[in-house]
Protein backbone atom coordinates (compact mmCIF):
# COMPACT_ATOMS: atom_id res chain seq x y z
CA MET A 1 47.09 76.47 154.45
CA ILE A 2 48.84 73.34 155.73
CA GLU A 3 52.25 73.47 157.38
CA VAL A 4 54.22 70.31 158.08
CA LYS A 5 57.01 71.12 160.53
CA LYS A 6 59.88 68.73 161.25
CA LEU A 7 57.58 65.71 161.05
CA THR A 8 59.12 62.44 162.21
CA LYS A 9 57.40 59.07 162.50
CA ARG A 10 59.12 56.02 163.97
CA TYR A 11 57.96 52.43 164.26
CA GLY A 12 60.21 51.09 167.00
CA ASP A 13 63.76 51.66 165.77
CA PHE A 14 62.66 52.22 162.16
CA GLU A 15 62.34 55.86 161.11
CA ALA A 16 59.73 55.93 158.34
CA VAL A 17 59.60 59.73 158.07
CA LYS A 18 62.66 61.82 158.94
CA SER A 19 62.04 65.40 160.11
CA ILE A 20 60.36 66.66 156.93
CA SER A 21 58.90 70.15 156.50
CA PHE A 22 56.78 71.68 153.74
CA THR A 23 53.82 74.02 153.21
CA ILE A 24 50.72 73.59 151.04
CA ASN A 25 48.78 76.69 150.04
CA ASP A 26 45.02 77.00 149.56
CA GLY A 27 43.88 76.01 146.07
CA GLU A 28 47.00 73.92 145.40
CA ILE A 29 47.10 70.38 144.04
CA LEU A 30 50.16 68.68 145.47
CA GLY A 31 51.63 65.42 144.22
CA PHE A 32 53.50 63.31 146.76
CA LEU A 33 55.86 61.09 144.78
CA GLY A 34 58.07 58.24 145.92
CA ALA A 35 58.76 54.52 145.62
CA ASN A 36 56.74 52.03 147.64
CA GLY A 37 57.97 52.25 151.24
CA ALA A 38 59.38 55.77 150.83
CA GLY A 39 57.16 57.21 153.57
CA LYS A 40 54.30 58.66 151.50
CA SER A 41 51.40 56.80 153.09
CA THR A 42 52.82 57.23 156.59
CA THR A 43 53.01 61.00 156.07
CA LEU A 44 49.46 61.13 154.74
CA LYS A 45 48.15 59.05 157.66
CA VAL A 46 49.75 61.46 160.13
CA MET A 47 48.22 64.39 158.22
CA THR A 48 44.77 62.80 158.59
CA GLY A 49 45.24 62.15 162.30
CA TYR A 50 45.12 58.38 161.78
CA LEU A 51 48.67 58.12 163.14
CA SER A 52 50.32 60.33 165.74
CA PRO A 53 53.69 61.95 164.96
CA THR A 54 56.72 60.81 166.91
CA MET A 55 58.14 64.32 166.69
CA GLY A 56 57.12 67.55 164.96
CA ASN A 57 53.61 68.70 164.16
CA ILE A 58 51.18 69.53 161.36
CA TYR A 59 49.22 72.78 161.30
CA VAL A 60 46.01 73.51 159.42
CA ASN A 61 45.50 77.25 159.69
CA ASP A 62 45.55 77.86 163.47
CA LEU A 63 45.02 74.22 164.50
CA ASN A 64 47.64 71.52 165.08
CA ILE A 65 47.15 67.80 164.59
CA ILE A 66 48.26 66.83 168.11
CA ASP A 67 45.92 69.08 170.09
CA HIS A 68 43.06 69.44 167.58
CA THR A 69 42.86 66.06 165.84
CA ILE A 70 39.05 65.87 165.61
CA ASP A 71 38.68 69.49 164.48
CA ILE A 72 41.20 68.93 161.67
CA GLN A 73 39.62 65.61 160.67
CA LYS A 74 36.34 67.45 160.10
CA LEU A 75 38.14 69.51 157.43
CA ILE A 76 39.62 66.48 155.63
CA GLY A 77 38.30 63.98 153.12
CA TYR A 78 40.54 60.91 152.86
CA LEU A 79 40.65 58.17 150.25
CA PRO A 80 43.22 55.53 151.30
CA GLU A 81 45.05 53.33 148.82
CA LEU A 82 42.76 50.38 149.56
CA ASN A 83 39.38 51.92 148.72
CA PRO A 84 37.17 51.05 151.75
CA LEU A 85 33.84 50.26 150.08
CA TYR A 86 31.09 47.88 151.21
CA SER A 87 30.59 45.98 147.96
CA ASP A 88 27.17 44.58 148.89
CA MET A 89 25.70 48.06 149.46
CA ARG A 90 24.10 50.24 146.83
CA VAL A 91 25.98 53.44 146.01
CA TYR A 92 23.14 55.59 147.37
CA ASP A 93 23.06 53.67 150.66
CA LEU A 94 26.83 53.92 151.13
CA LEU A 95 26.80 57.69 150.61
CA LYS A 96 23.83 58.06 152.97
CA PHE A 97 25.63 55.97 155.60
CA THR A 98 28.87 57.96 155.20
CA ALA A 99 26.98 61.25 155.41
CA SER A 100 25.11 60.15 158.54
CA MET A 101 28.44 59.48 160.29
CA ARG A 102 29.29 63.12 159.57
CA GLY A 103 25.94 64.28 160.95
CA ILE A 104 24.60 65.14 157.48
CA ILE A 105 20.94 64.09 157.25
CA ASN A 106 17.60 65.01 155.67
CA LYS A 107 17.73 68.10 153.42
CA ASP A 108 21.43 68.62 154.07
CA PHE A 109 22.11 65.09 152.86
CA ASN A 110 20.00 65.59 149.72
CA ASN A 111 21.96 68.74 148.87
CA ALA A 112 25.32 67.03 149.58
CA LEU A 113 24.29 63.98 147.53
CA ASP A 114 23.29 66.09 144.53
CA LYS A 115 26.68 67.81 144.62
CA VAL A 116 28.84 64.66 144.77
CA ILE A 117 26.72 62.90 142.15
CA GLU A 118 27.36 65.82 139.80
CA ASP A 119 31.04 66.27 140.73
CA CYS A 120 31.85 62.56 140.47
CA THR A 121 29.43 61.75 137.60
CA LEU A 122 27.59 59.00 139.43
CA ASN A 123 24.13 59.36 137.88
CA ASP A 124 24.40 56.05 136.02
CA VAL A 125 25.37 53.98 139.06
CA ILE A 126 23.75 55.69 142.06
CA HIS A 127 21.21 52.88 142.52
CA LYS A 128 23.54 50.01 141.59
CA LYS A 129 25.31 47.70 143.99
CA ILE A 130 28.94 48.69 144.37
CA GLU A 131 30.09 45.18 143.38
CA GLU A 132 28.42 45.73 139.99
CA CYS A 133 30.47 48.87 139.25
CA SER A 134 33.74 49.07 137.32
CA LYS A 135 36.97 49.89 139.14
CA GLY A 136 36.87 53.39 137.67
CA PHE A 137 33.42 53.97 139.09
CA LYS A 138 34.51 52.46 142.41
CA GLN A 139 37.23 55.12 142.63
CA ARG A 140 34.62 57.78 141.89
CA ILE A 141 32.38 56.32 144.61
CA GLY A 142 35.32 56.41 147.04
CA LEU A 143 35.94 60.04 146.13
CA ALA A 144 32.27 60.89 146.58
CA SER A 145 32.31 59.24 150.01
CA ALA A 146 35.40 61.26 150.96
CA MET A 147 33.77 64.47 149.68
CA ILE A 148 30.22 64.08 151.02
CA HIS A 149 30.88 66.55 153.88
CA ASP A 150 32.44 69.11 151.51
CA PRO A 151 35.92 69.07 153.12
CA LYS A 152 38.41 71.88 152.61
CA ILE A 153 41.24 69.34 152.19
CA LEU A 154 41.17 66.15 150.11
CA ILE A 155 43.90 63.53 150.62
CA LEU A 156 44.14 60.75 148.02
CA ASP A 157 46.59 57.87 148.46
CA GLU A 158 47.42 56.27 145.07
CA PRO A 159 44.02 57.25 143.57
CA VAL A 160 44.74 55.94 140.05
CA SER A 161 46.57 52.75 140.97
CA GLY A 162 45.30 49.78 138.96
CA LEU A 163 43.08 51.80 136.64
CA ASP A 164 43.19 51.48 132.86
CA PRO A 165 44.42 54.46 130.77
CA ASN A 166 40.93 55.82 130.08
CA GLN A 167 39.97 55.59 133.75
CA ILE A 168 43.21 57.34 134.76
CA VAL A 169 42.39 60.26 132.47
CA GLU A 170 38.87 60.48 133.92
CA ILE A 171 40.12 60.53 137.52
CA ARG A 172 42.83 63.08 136.64
CA GLU A 173 40.22 65.44 135.18
CA LEU A 174 38.03 64.96 138.23
CA ILE A 175 40.92 65.78 140.57
CA LYS A 176 41.74 68.92 138.57
CA LYS A 177 38.12 70.02 138.87
CA ILE A 178 38.07 69.38 142.63
CA GLY A 179 41.38 71.22 143.02
CA LYS A 180 39.78 74.48 141.94
CA GLU A 181 37.89 74.55 145.25
CA LYS A 182 40.05 72.58 147.72
CA ILE A 183 43.56 71.72 148.76
CA VAL A 184 44.21 68.35 147.12
CA ILE A 185 47.11 66.06 148.06
CA MET A 186 47.58 62.91 145.98
CA SER A 187 50.34 60.33 146.22
CA SER A 188 51.82 58.03 143.61
CA HIS A 189 54.96 56.03 142.93
CA ILE A 190 54.81 56.84 139.19
CA LEU A 191 55.68 60.34 137.96
CA GLN A 192 53.57 60.12 134.81
CA GLU A 193 50.45 59.37 136.86
CA ILE A 194 50.54 62.75 138.59
CA GLN A 195 52.65 64.93 136.31
CA ALA A 196 49.65 66.10 134.25
CA THR A 197 47.41 66.65 137.27
CA VAL A 198 49.24 68.55 140.00
CA ASP A 199 50.62 72.08 140.43
CA ARG A 200 53.61 70.91 142.45
CA ILE A 201 55.43 67.69 143.29
CA ILE A 202 57.29 66.71 146.44
CA ILE A 203 59.56 63.68 146.03
CA ILE A 204 60.23 61.62 149.14
CA ASN A 205 62.88 58.90 149.40
CA GLU A 206 63.60 56.76 152.46
CA GLY A 207 61.58 59.15 154.63
CA SER A 208 63.29 62.38 153.48
CA ILE A 209 62.26 65.05 150.98
CA VAL A 210 64.73 65.07 148.09
CA ALA A 211 62.97 67.45 145.66
CA ASP A 212 60.16 70.01 145.66
CA GLY A 213 58.95 71.97 142.64
CA THR A 214 56.61 72.21 139.67
CA PRO A 215 56.31 69.17 137.37
CA ASP A 216 58.05 71.03 134.54
CA LYS A 217 60.94 72.05 136.79
CA LEU A 218 61.46 68.55 138.16
CA VAL A 219 61.23 66.88 134.73
CA ALA A 220 63.69 69.40 133.27
CA GLY A 221 66.07 68.75 136.18
CA ALA A 222 65.83 64.99 135.66
CA LYS A 223 66.62 65.37 131.95
CA GLY A 224 69.58 67.58 132.81
CA ASN A 225 70.95 64.97 135.20
CA ASN A 226 70.74 62.33 132.46
CA LYS A 227 72.96 64.25 130.03
């Protein structure tokens, strides 16, 4: 379980995230929805330990992000909005390199590789150069890289941004599959992109949470407000 408690993040005088609190349960796929600049990516970066909170804290089971940053990072797989791939590498070499940074080598790497190839359907591209792969496959490669250490938590920042409709459907189905085993948090600025994928949506606006509920509940509420 993840607990975000009164999280605030400031950049100088600008308050990007304003004392937000929420809980994510094991086995839940959470959609983090908001316009560009609403505070989504900042919140996710604090959750990964990439940024430090100005105030408040984040708890993963009995650990908190301030005192146990490295321990929590070991539990997280993170795919940022700008997919950090080395385009001149082959897919196999990238995954081997990523695994080695996590201390996964030899037989353990072979087992981890087999799992992410199957989960992310990478059989057709595993020996290709990344620059030769479609954008849809590049997203799958990024996911595989984030999952190579079998994290308990997967954080995806705008994972379907820029994909065509068929690729979006493929990534949605993959996220649903992953969500059966892990906590998955994905962000988007478009409701339709996450509505069919997640169990619950949190809407953030100007650094504050303005809604929290199931997709059906939030859509019904929006329709009611338009009457």
